[in-house]
Amino acid sequence: MTRLQGTEIVTAAQMRAIESAAMGSGAVSGLQLMTRAGAEVVGQIRLRWPRPGRVAVLCGPGANGGDGFVIARLLAGVGWRVRVLAADPITKRR
């Protein structure tokens, strides 16, 4: 791990291992992890832009795309005008 301004930074492989261990232990679900990540991102967005505006959220396939949908939902819930652009057909998603 690397430290940046007192914060531990992990690689993508390390994060996958951390998330896998957390989900494997039953401590947290994938949806809970996505929701926590999305809430943190939305918190940072609201610090930078306190008043709701317009935003486009680009969602790829897989879990990162899921994070994007969570972010879009949470922003819409606090008054943002949200447009979601999905990289793959929405019918392929669970």
PDB file of N, CA and C in Angstrom:
ATOM      1  N   MET A   1       0.830  -1.183   0.000  1.00  0.00           N
ATOM      2  CA  MET A   1       0.000   0.000   0.000  1.00  0.00           C
ATOM      3  C   MET A   1       0.873   1.245   0.000  1.00  0.00           C
ATOM      4  N   THR A   2       0.335   2.283  -0.564  1.00  0.00           N
ATOM      5  CA  THR A   2       1.000   3.579  -0.622  1.00  0.00           C
ATOM      6  C   THR A   2       0.201   4.557   0.225  1.00  0.00           C
ATOM      7  N   ARG A   3       0.878   5.534   0.786  1.00  0.00           N
ATOM      8  CA  ARG A   3       0.182   6.566   1.562  1.00  0.00           C
ATOM      9  C   ARG A   3       0.237   7.880   0.798  1.00  0.00           C
ATOM     10  N   LEU A   4      -0.881   8.590   0.788  1.00  0.00           N
ATOM     11  CA  LEU A   4      -0.968   9.898   0.155  1.00  0.00           C
ATOM     12  C   LEU A   4      -1.693  10.819   1.118  1.00  0.00           C
ATOM     13  N   GLN A   5      -0.996  11.796   1.626  1.00  0.00           N
ATOM     14  CA  GLN A   5      -1.559  12.744   2.593  1.00  0.00           C
ATOM     15  C   GLN A   5      -2.260  12.018   3.740  1.00  0.00           C
ATOM     16  N   GLY A   6      -1.624  10.984   4.250  1.00  0.00           N
ATOM     17  CA  GLY A   6      -2.155  10.247   5.386  1.00  0.00           C
ATOM     18  C   GLY A   6      -3.202   9.201   5.056  1.00  0.00           C
ATOM     19  N   THR A   7      -3.545   9.058   3.783  1.00  0.00           N
ATOM     20  CA  THR A   7      -4.555   8.091   3.364  1.00  0.00           C
ATOM     21  C   THR A   7      -3.887   6.929   2.654  1.00  0.00           C
ATOM     22  N   GLU A   8      -4.275   5.706   3.018  1.00  0.00           N
ATOM     23  CA  GLU A   8      -3.725   4.534   2.345  1.00  0.00           C
ATOM     24  C   GLU A   8      -4.334   4.406   0.960  1.00  0.00           C
ATOM     25  N   ILE A   9      -3.490   4.211  -0.036  1.00  0.00           N
ATOM     26  CA  ILE A   9      -3.924   4.017  -1.414  1.00  0.00           C
ATOM     27  C   ILE A   9      -3.593   2.577  -1.789  1.00  0.00           C
ATOM     28  N   VAL A  10      -4.577   1.855  -2.315  1.00  0.00           N
ATOM     29  CA  VAL A  10      -4.355   0.465  -2.708  1.00  0.00           C
ATOM     30  C   VAL A  10      -4.487   0.334  -4.215  1.00  0.00           C
ATOM     31  N   THR A  11      -3.888  -0.700  -4.748  1.00  0.00           N
ATOM     32  CA  THR A  11      -4.011  -0.974  -6.182  1.00  0.00           C
ATOM     33  C   THR A  11      -5.386  -1.597  -6.451  1.00  0.00           C
ATOM     34  N   ALA A  12      -5.746  -1.681  -7.720  1.00  0.00           N
ATOM     35  CA  ALA A  12      -7.018  -2.312  -8.092  1.00  0.00           C
ATOM     36  C   ALA A  12      -7.051  -3.767  -7.623  1.00  0.00           C
ATOM     37  N   ALA A  13      -5.936  -4.476  -7.779  1.00  0.00           N
ATOM     38  CA  ALA A  13      -5.874  -5.881  -7.352  1.00  0.00           C
ATOM     39  C   ALA A  13      -6.037  -5.995  -5.835  1.00  0.00           C
ATOM     40  N   GLN A  14      -5.405  -5.095  -5.092  1.00  0.00           N
ATOM     41  CA  GLN A  14      -5.548  -5.115  -3.642  1.00  0.00           C
ATOM     42  C   GLN A  14      -6.993  -4.830  -3.228  1.00  0.00           C
ATOM     43  N   MET A  15      -7.630  -3.878  -3.906  1.00  0.00           N
ATOM     44  CA  MET A  15      -9.016  -3.551  -3.571  1.00  0.00           C
ATOM     45  C   MET A  15      -9.942  -4.723  -3.872  1.00  0.00           C
ATOM     46  N   ARG A  16      -9.713  -5.400  -4.992  1.00  0.00           N
ATOM     47  CA  ARG A  16     -10.527  -6.583  -5.306  1.00  0.00           C
ATOM     48  C   ARG A  16     -10.388  -7.629  -4.202  1.00  0.00           C
ATOM     49  N   ALA A  17      -9.166  -7.835  -3.720  1.00  0.00           N
ATOM     50  CA  ALA A  17      -8.936  -8.815  -2.655  1.00  0.00           C
ATOM     51  C   ALA A  17      -9.617  -8.388  -1.355  1.00  0.00           C
ATOM     52  N   ILE A  18      -9.546  -7.117  -1.032  1.00  0.00           N
ATOM     53  CA  ILE A  18     -10.189  -6.595   0.181  1.00  0.00           C
ATOM     54  C   ILE A  18     -11.704  -6.772   0.093  1.00  0.00           C
ATOM     55  N   GLU A  19     -12.277  -6.379  -1.048  1.00  0.00           N
ATOM     56  CA  GLU A  19     -13.727  -6.503  -1.230  1.00  0.00           C
ATOM     57  C   GLU A  19     -14.161  -7.965  -1.211  1.00  0.00           C
ATOM     58  N   SER A  20     -13.392  -8.821  -1.866  1.00  0.00           N
ATOM     59  CA  SER A  20     -13.714 -10.246  -1.908  1.00  0.00           C
ATOM     60  C   SER A  20     -13.701 -10.847  -0.508  1.00  0.00           C
ATOM     61  N   ALA A  21     -12.700 -10.484   0.285  1.00  0.00           N
ATOM     62  CA  ALA A  21     -12.613 -10.996   1.655  1.00  0.00           C
ATOM     63  C   ALA A  21     -13.787 -10.499   2.496  1.00  0.00           C
ATOM     64  N   ALA A  22     -14.144  -9.236   2.341  1.00  0.00           N
ATOM     65  CA  ALA A  22     -15.263  -8.672   3.108  1.00  0.00           C
ATOM     66  C   ALA A  22     -16.575  -9.364   2.749  1.00  0.00           C
ATOM     67  N   MET A  23     -16.803  -9.559   1.450  1.00  0.00           N
ATOM     68  CA  MET A  23     -18.038 -10.222   1.021  1.00  0.00           C
ATOM     69  C   MET A  23     -18.015 -11.703   1.390  1.00  0.00           C
ATOM     70  N   GLY A  24     -16.857 -12.341   1.253  1.00  0.00           N
ATOM     71  CA  GLY A  24     -16.727 -13.759   1.583  1.00  0.00           C
ATOM     72  C   GLY A  24     -16.971 -14.051   3.049  1.00  0.00           C
ATOM     73  N   SER A  25     -16.646 -13.094   3.912  1.00  0.00           N
ATOM     74  CA  SER A  25     -16.853 -13.282   5.348  1.00  0.00           C
ATOM     75  C   SER A  25     -18.310 -13.077   5.746  1.00  0.00           C
ATOM     76  N   GLY A  26     -19.093 -12.527   4.816  1.00  0.00           N
ATOM     77  CA  GLY A  26     -20.492 -12.235   5.125  1.00  0.00           C
ATOM     78  C   GLY A  26     -20.687 -10.919   5.848  1.00  0.00           C
ATOM     79  N   ALA A  27     -19.598 -10.178   6.044  1.00  0.00           N
ATOM     80  CA  ALA A  27     -19.683  -8.905   6.759  1.00  0.00           C
ATOM     81  C   ALA A  27     -20.429  -7.841   5.970  1.00  0.00           C
ATOM     82  N   VAL A  28     -20.393  -7.959   4.646  1.00  0.00           N
ATOM     83  CA  VAL A  28     -20.998  -6.932   3.797  1.00  0.00           C
ATOM     84  C   VAL A  28     -21.345  -7.560   2.450  1.00  0.00           C
ATOM     85  N   SER A  29     -22.367  -7.031   1.808  1.00  0.00           N
ATOM     86  CA  SER A  29     -22.738  -7.529   0.478  1.00  0.00           C
ATOM     87  C   SER A  29     -22.145  -6.617  -0.595  1.00  0.00           C
ATOM     88  N   GLY A  30     -22.145  -7.090  -1.818  1.00  0.00           N
ATOM     89  CA  GLY A  30     -21.681  -6.269  -2.929  1.00  0.00           C
ATOM     90  C   GLY A  30     -22.502  -5.001  -3.062  1.00  0.00           C
ATOM     91  N   LEU A  31     -23.814  -5.108  -2.872  1.00  0.00           N
ATOM     92  CA  LEU A  31     -24.683  -3.933  -2.951  1.00  0.00           C
ATOM     93  C   LEU A  31     -24.346  -2.931  -1.854  1.00  0.00           C
ATOM     94  N   GLN A  32     -24.052  -3.425  -0.659  1.00  0.00           N
ATOM     95  CA  GLN A  32     -23.673  -2.521   0.427  1.00  0.00           C
ATOM     96  C   GLN A  32     -22.368  -1.799   0.108  1.00  0.00           C
ATOM     97  N   LEU A  33     -21.401  -2.515  -0.471  1.00  0.00           N
ATOM     98  CA  LEU A  33     -20.142  -1.873  -0.851  1.00  0.00           C
ATOM     99  C   LEU A  33     -20.379  -0.798  -1.903  1.00  0.00           C
ATOM    100  N   MET A  34     -21.213  -1.114  -2.909  1.00  0.00           N
ATOM    101  CA  MET A  34     -21.524  -0.127  -3.948  1.00  0.00           C
ATOM    102  C   MET A  34     -22.215   1.092  -3.356  1.00  0.00           C
ATOM    103  N   THR A  35     -23.140   0.855  -2.445  1.00  0.00           N
ATOM    104  CA  THR A  35     -23.876   1.960  -1.836  1.00  0.00           C
ATOM    105  C   THR A  35     -22.947   2.840  -1.014  1.00  0.00           C
ATOM    106  N   ARG A  36     -22.043   2.227  -0.270  1.00  0.00           N
ATOM    107  CA  ARG A  36     -21.083   3.008   0.526  1.00  0.00           C
ATOM    108  C   ARG A  36     -20.164   3.827  -0.374  1.00  0.00           C
ATOM    109  N   ALA A  37     -19.663   3.198  -1.431  1.00  0.00           N
ATOM    110  CA  ALA A  37     -18.781   3.909  -2.363  1.00  0.00           C
ATOM    111  C   ALA A  37     -19.528   5.057  -3.026  1.00  0.00           C
ATOM    112  N   GLY A  38     -20.750   4.788  -3.476  1.00  0.00           N
ATOM    113  CA  GLY A  38     -21.545   5.831  -4.120  1.00  0.00           C
ATOM    114  C   GLY A  38     -21.841   6.983  -3.187  1.00  0.00           C
ATOM    115  N   ALA A  39     -22.170   6.677  -1.941  1.00  0.00           N
ATOM    116  CA  ALA A  39     -22.461   7.726  -0.963  1.00  0.00           C
ATOM    117  C   ALA A  39     -21.233   8.596  -0.711  1.00  0.00           C
ATOM    118  N   GLU A  40     -20.065   7.985  -0.673  1.00  0.00           N
ATOM    119  CA  GLU A  40     -18.831   8.755  -0.466  1.00  0.00           C
ATOM    120  C   GLU A  40     -18.565   9.675  -1.648  1.00  0.00           C
ATOM    121  N   VAL A  41     -18.743   9.162  -2.862  1.00  0.00           N
ATOM    122  CA  VAL A  41     -18.543   9.990  -4.056  1.00  0.00           C
ATOM    123  C   VAL A  41     -19.522  11.159  -4.053  1.00  0.00           C
ATOM    124  N   VAL A  42     -20.788  10.878  -3.770  1.00  0.00           N
ATOM    125  CA  VAL A  42     -21.796  11.939  -3.746  1.00  0.00           C
ATOM    126  C   VAL A  42     -21.467  12.964  -2.662  1.00  0.00           C
ATOM    127  N   GLY A  43     -20.983  12.517  -1.529  1.00  0.00           N
ATOM    128  CA  GLY A  43     -20.563  13.449  -0.479  1.00  0.00           C
ATOM    129  C   GLY A  43     -19.473  14.388  -0.961  1.00  0.00           C
ATOM    130  N   GLN A  44     -18.502  13.846  -1.689  1.00  0.00           N
ATOM    131  CA  GLN A  44     -17.418  14.677  -2.220  1.00  0.00           C
ATOM    132  C   GLN A  44     -17.930  15.642  -3.294  1.00  0.00           C
ATOM    133  N   ILE A  45     -18.842  15.169  -4.135  1.00  0.00           N
ATOM    134  CA  ILE A  45     -19.431  16.048  -5.155  1.00  0.00           C
ATOM    135  C   ILE A  45     -20.157  17.205  -4.480  1.00  0.00           C
ATOM    136  N   ARG A  46     -20.920  16.910  -3.441  1.00  0.00           N
ATOM    137  CA  ARG A  46     -21.696  17.953  -2.769  1.00  0.00           C
ATOM    138  C   ARG A  46     -20.808  18.927  -2.006  1.00  0.00           C
ATOM    139  N   LEU A  47     -19.645  18.493  -1.572  1.00  0.00           N
ATOM    140  CA  LEU A  47     -18.699  19.432  -0.963  1.00  0.00           C
ATOM    141  C   LEU A  47     -18.197  20.431  -1.995  1.00  0.00           C
ATOM    142  N   ARG A  48     -17.930  19.942  -3.183  1.00  0.00           N
ATOM    143  CA  ARG A  48     -17.394  20.793  -4.256  1.00  0.00           C
ATOM    144  C   ARG A  48     -18.480  21.647  -4.896  1.00  0.00           C
ATOM    145  N   TRP A  49     -19.660  21.068  -5.082  1.00  0.00           N
ATOM    146  CA  TRP A  49     -20.790  21.764  -5.704  1.00  0.00           C
ATOM    147  C   TRP A  49     -22.001  21.635  -4.777  1.00  0.00           C
ATOM    148  N   PRO A  50     -22.133  22.520  -3.785  1.00  0.00           N
ATOM    149  CA  PRO A  50     -23.202  22.391  -2.791  1.00  0.00           C
ATOM    150  C   PRO A  50     -24.620  22.488  -3.365  1.00  0.00           C
ATOM    151  N   ARG A  51     -24.785  23.264  -4.428  1.00  0.00           N
ATOM    152  CA  ARG A  51     -26.117  23.402  -5.019  1.00  0.00           C
ATOM    153  C   ARG A  51     -26.297  22.389  -6.140  1.00  0.00           C
ATOM    154  N   PRO A  52     -27.435  21.702  -6.158  1.00  0.00           N
ATOM    155  CA  PRO A  52     -27.676  20.727  -7.224  1.00  0.00           C
ATOM    156  C   PRO A  52     -27.625  21.366  -8.602  1.00  0.00           C
ATOM    157  N   GLY A  53     -27.123  20.611  -9.546  1.00  0.00           N
ATOM    158  CA  GLY A  53     -27.041  21.058 -10.927  1.00  0.00           C
ATOM    159  C   GLY A  53     -27.392  19.913 -11.851  1.00  0.00           C
ATOM    160  N   ARG A  54     -26.749  19.928 -13.004  1.00  0.00           N
ATOM    161  CA  ARG A  54     -26.952  18.851 -13.977  1.00  0.00           C
ATOM    162  C   ARG A  54     -25.685  18.015 -14.031  1.00  0.00           C
ATOM    163  N   VAL A  55     -25.861  16.718 -14.249  1.00  0.00           N
ATOM    164  CA  VAL A  55     -24.707  15.829 -14.316  1.00  0.00           C
ATOM    165  C   VAL A  55     -25.020  14.658 -15.243  1.00  0.00           C
ATOM    166  N   ALA A  56     -24.009  14.229 -15.965  1.00  0.00           N
ATOM    167  CA  ALA A  56     -24.096  12.999 -16.754  1.00  0.00           C
ATOM    168  C   ALA A  56     -23.205  11.972 -16.070  1.00  0.00           C
ATOM    169  N   VAL A  57     -23.730  10.791 -15.854  1.00  0.00           N
ATOM    170  CA  VAL A  57     -22.970   9.709 -15.230  1.00  0.00           C
ATOM    171  C   VAL A  57     -22.769   8.630 -16.287  1.00  0.00           C
ATOM    172  N   LEU A  58     -21.512   8.345 -16.581  1.00  0.00           N
ATOM    173  CA  LEU A  58     -21.167   7.324 -17.567  1.00  0.00           C
ATOM    174  C   LEU A  58     -20.971   6.001 -16.846  1.00  0.00           C
ATOM    175  N   CYS A  59     -21.725   4.980 -17.231  1.00  0.00           N
ATOM    176  CA  CYS A  59     -21.682   3.685 -16.557  1.00  0.00           C
ATOM    177  C   CYS A  59     -21.231   2.601 -17.523  1.00  0.00           C
ATOM    178  N   GLY A  60     -20.111   1.994 -17.201  1.00  0.00           N
ATOM    179  CA  GLY A  60     -19.622   0.876 -17.987  1.00  0.00           C
ATOM    180  C   GLY A  60     -20.220  -0.419 -17.477  1.00  0.00           C
ATOM    181  N   PRO A  61     -19.769  -1.537 -18.025  1.00  0.00           N
ATOM    182  CA  PRO A  61     -20.261  -2.832 -17.558  1.00  0.00           C
ATOM    183  C   PRO A  61     -19.602  -3.199 -16.227  1.00  0.00           C
ATOM    184  N   GLY A  62     -20.189  -4.094 -15.517  1.00  0.00           N
ATOM    185  CA  GLY A  62     -19.580  -4.595 -14.291  1.00  0.00           C
ATOM    186  C   GLY A  62     -19.862  -3.741 -13.076  1.00  0.00           C
ATOM    187  N   ALA A  63     -19.098  -4.013 -12.019  1.00  0.00           N
ATOM    188  CA  ALA A  63     -19.327  -3.360 -10.733  1.00  0.00           C
ATOM    189  C   ALA A  63     -19.109  -1.861 -10.790  1.00  0.00           C
ATOM    190  N   ASN A  64     -18.128  -1.395 -11.543  1.00  0.00           N
ATOM    191  CA  ASN A  64     -17.920   0.046 -11.629  1.00  0.00           C
ATOM    192  C   ASN A  64     -19.128   0.734 -12.245  1.00  0.00           C
ATOM    193  N   GLY A  65     -19.755   0.079 -13.208  1.00  0.00           N
ATOM    194  CA  GLY A  65     -20.993   0.612 -13.764  1.00  0.00           C
ATOM    195  C   GLY A  65     -22.087   0.652 -12.711  1.00  0.00           C
ATOM    196  N   GLY A  66     -22.119  -0.374 -11.868  1.00  0.00           N
ATOM    197  CA  GLY A  66     -23.080  -0.396 -10.766  1.00  0.00           C
ATOM    198  C   GLY A  66     -22.869   0.766  -9.821  1.00  0.00           C
ATOM    199  N   ASP A  67     -21.602   1.078  -9.535  1.00  0.00           N
ATOM    200  CA  ASP A  67     -21.288   2.242  -8.703  1.00  0.00           C
ATOM    201  C   ASP A  67     -21.852   3.505  -9.337  1.00  0.00           C
ATOM    202  N   GLY A  68     -21.723   3.618 -10.651  1.00  0.00           N
ATOM    203  CA  GLY A  68     -22.235   4.788 -11.357  1.00  0.00           C
ATOM    204  C   GLY A  68     -23.739   4.926 -11.219  1.00  0.00           C
ATOM    205  N   PHE A  69     -24.463   3.803 -11.320  1.00  0.00           N
ATOM    206  CA  PHE A  69     -25.920   3.855 -11.156  1.00  0.00           C
ATOM    207  C   PHE A  69     -26.298   4.276  -9.737  1.00  0.00           C
ATOM    208  N   VAL A  70     -25.545   3.812  -8.740  1.00  0.00           N
ATOM    209  CA  VAL A  70     -25.798   4.224  -7.355  1.00  0.00           C
ATOM    210  C   VAL A  70     -25.574   5.726  -7.218  1.00  0.00           C
ATOM    211  N   ILE A  71     -24.477   6.218  -7.769  1.00  0.00           N
ATOM    212  CA  ILE A  71     -24.178   7.651  -7.705  1.00  0.00           C
ATOM    213  C   ILE A  71     -25.296   8.454  -8.363  1.00  0.00           C
ATOM    214  N   ALA A  72     -25.744   8.009  -9.525  1.00  0.00           N
ATOM    215  CA  ALA A  72     -26.830   8.704 -10.229  1.00  0.00           C
ATOM    216  C   ALA A  72     -28.094   8.739  -9.377  1.00  0.00           C
ATOM    217  N   ARG A  73     -28.443   7.605  -8.781  1.00  0.00           N
ATOM    218  CA  ARG A  73     -29.655   7.540  -7.951  1.00  0.00           C
ATOM    219  C   ARG A  73     -29.550   8.465  -6.746  1.00  0.00           C
ATOM    220  N   LEU A  74     -28.395   8.461  -6.091  1.00  0.00           N
ATOM    221  CA  LEU A  74     -28.225   9.299  -4.907  1.00  0.00           C
ATOM    222  C   LEU A  74     -28.231  10.782  -5.256  1.00  0.00           C
ATOM    223  N   LEU A  75     -27.594  11.149  -6.361  1.00  0.00           N
ATOM    224  CA  LEU A  75     -27.615  12.553  -6.780  1.00  0.00           C
ATOM    225  C   LEU A  75     -29.034  12.995  -7.126  1.00  0.00           C
ATOM    226  N   ALA A  76     -29.767  12.157  -7.841  1.00  0.00           N
ATOM    227  CA  ALA A  76     -31.154  12.493  -8.179  1.00  0.00           C
ATOM    228  C   ALA A  76     -31.982  12.674  -6.906  1.00  0.00           C
ATOM    229  N   GLY A  77     -31.673  11.879  -5.897  1.00  0.00           N
ATOM    230  CA  GLY A  77     -32.403  11.957  -4.635  1.00  0.00           C
ATOM    231  C   GLY A  77     -32.196  13.246  -3.869  1.00  0.00           C
ATOM    232  N   VAL A  78     -31.121  13.973  -4.178  1.00  0.00           N
ATOM    233  CA  VAL A  78     -30.868  15.259  -3.510  1.00  0.00           C
ATOM    234  C   VAL A  78     -31.033  16.427  -4.480  1.00  0.00           C
ATOM    235  N   GLY A  79     -31.797  16.182  -5.552  1.00  0.00           N
ATOM    236  CA  GLY A  79     -32.192  17.282  -6.415  1.00  0.00           C
ATOM    237  C   GLY A  79     -31.394  17.531  -7.673  1.00  0.00           C
ATOM    238  N   TRP A  80     -30.396  16.712  -7.960  1.00  0.00           N
ATOM    239  CA  TRP A  80     -29.616  16.891  -9.182  1.00  0.00           C
ATOM    240  C   TRP A  80     -30.414  16.391 -10.379  1.00  0.00           C
ATOM    241  N   ARG A  81     -30.224  17.043 -11.520  1.00  0.00           N
ATOM    242  CA  ARG A  81     -30.785  16.559 -12.784  1.00  0.00           C
ATOM    243  C   ARG A  81     -29.750  15.613 -13.373  1.00  0.00           C
ATOM    244  N   VAL A  82     -30.088  14.350 -13.436  1.00  0.00           N
ATOM    245  CA  VAL A  82     -29.122  13.303 -13.777  1.00  0.00           C
ATOM    246  C   VAL A  82     -29.472  12.657 -15.114  1.00  0.00           C
ATOM    247  N   ARG A  83     -28.450  12.468 -15.908  1.00  0.00           N
ATOM    248  CA  ARG A  83     -28.579  11.689 -17.142  1.00  0.00           C
ATOM    249  C   ARG A  83     -27.571  10.549 -17.045  1.00  0.00           C
ATOM    250  N   VAL A  84     -28.037   9.327 -17.239  1.00  0.00           N
ATOM    251  CA  VAL A  84     -27.163   8.153 -17.186  1.00  0.00           C
ATOM    252  C   VAL A  84     -26.904   7.676 -18.603  1.00  0.00           C
ATOM    253  N   LEU A  85     -25.645   7.460 -18.914  1.00  0.00           N
ATOM    254  CA  LEU A  85     -25.238   6.929 -20.211  1.00  0.00           C
ATOM    255  C   LEU A  85     -24.594   5.570 -19.958  1.00  0.00           C
ATOM    256  N   ALA A  86     -25.272   4.507 -20.392  1.00  0.00           N
ATOM    257  CA  ALA A  86     -24.784   3.145 -20.164  1.00  0.00           C
ATOM    258  C   ALA A  86     -23.994   2.667 -21.372  1.00  0.00           C
ATOM    259  N   ALA A  87     -22.828   2.078 -21.111  1.00  0.00           N
ATOM    260  CA  ALA A  87     -21.948   1.608 -22.185  1.00  0.00           C
ATOM    261  C   ALA A  87     -22.461   0.323 -22.831  1.00  0.00           C
ATOM    262  N   ASP A  88     -23.287  -0.414 -22.104  1.00  0.00           N
ATOM    263  CA  ASP A  88     -23.850  -1.635 -22.679  1.00  0.00           C
ATOM    264  C   ASP A  88     -25.363  -1.609 -22.466  1.00  0.00           C
ATOM    265  N   PRO A  89     -26.099  -2.413 -23.199  1.00  0.00           N
ATOM    266  CA  PRO A  89     -27.560  -2.371 -23.094  1.00  0.00           C
ATOM    267  C   PRO A  89     -28.036  -2.632 -21.672  1.00  0.00           C
ATOM    268  N   ILE A  90     -28.969  -1.833 -21.231  1.00  0.00           N
ATOM    269  CA  ILE A  90     -29.503  -1.954 -19.884  1.00  0.00           C
ATOM    270  C   ILE A  90     -30.139  -3.323 -19.654  1.00  0.00           C
ATOM    271  N   THR A  91     -30.608  -3.963 -20.706  1.00  0.00           N
ATOM    272  CA  THR A  91     -31.248  -5.277 -20.560  1.00  0.00           C
ATOM    273  C   THR A  91     -30.262  -6.352 -20.123  1.00  0.00           C
ATOM    274  N   LYS A  92     -28.950  -6.107 -20.283  1.00  0.00           N
ATOM    275  CA  LYS A  92     -27.943  -7.088 -19.867  1.00  0.00           C
ATOM    276  C   LYS A  92     -27.667  -7.012 -18.369  1.00  0.00           C
ATOM    277  N   ARG A  93     -28.129  -5.970 -17.703  1.00  0.00           N
ATOM    278  CA  ARG A  93     -27.829  -5.777 -16.282  1.00  0.00           C
ATOM    279  C   ARG A  93     -28.809  -6.552 -15.416  1.00  0.00           C
ATOM    280  N   ARG A  94     -28.343  -6.907 -14.221  1.00  0.00           N
ATOM    281  CA  ARG A  94     -29.204  -7.597 -13.262  1.00  0.00           C
ATOM    282  C   ARG A  94     -29.902  -6.596 -12.396  1.00  0.00           C
TER     283      ARG A  94
END
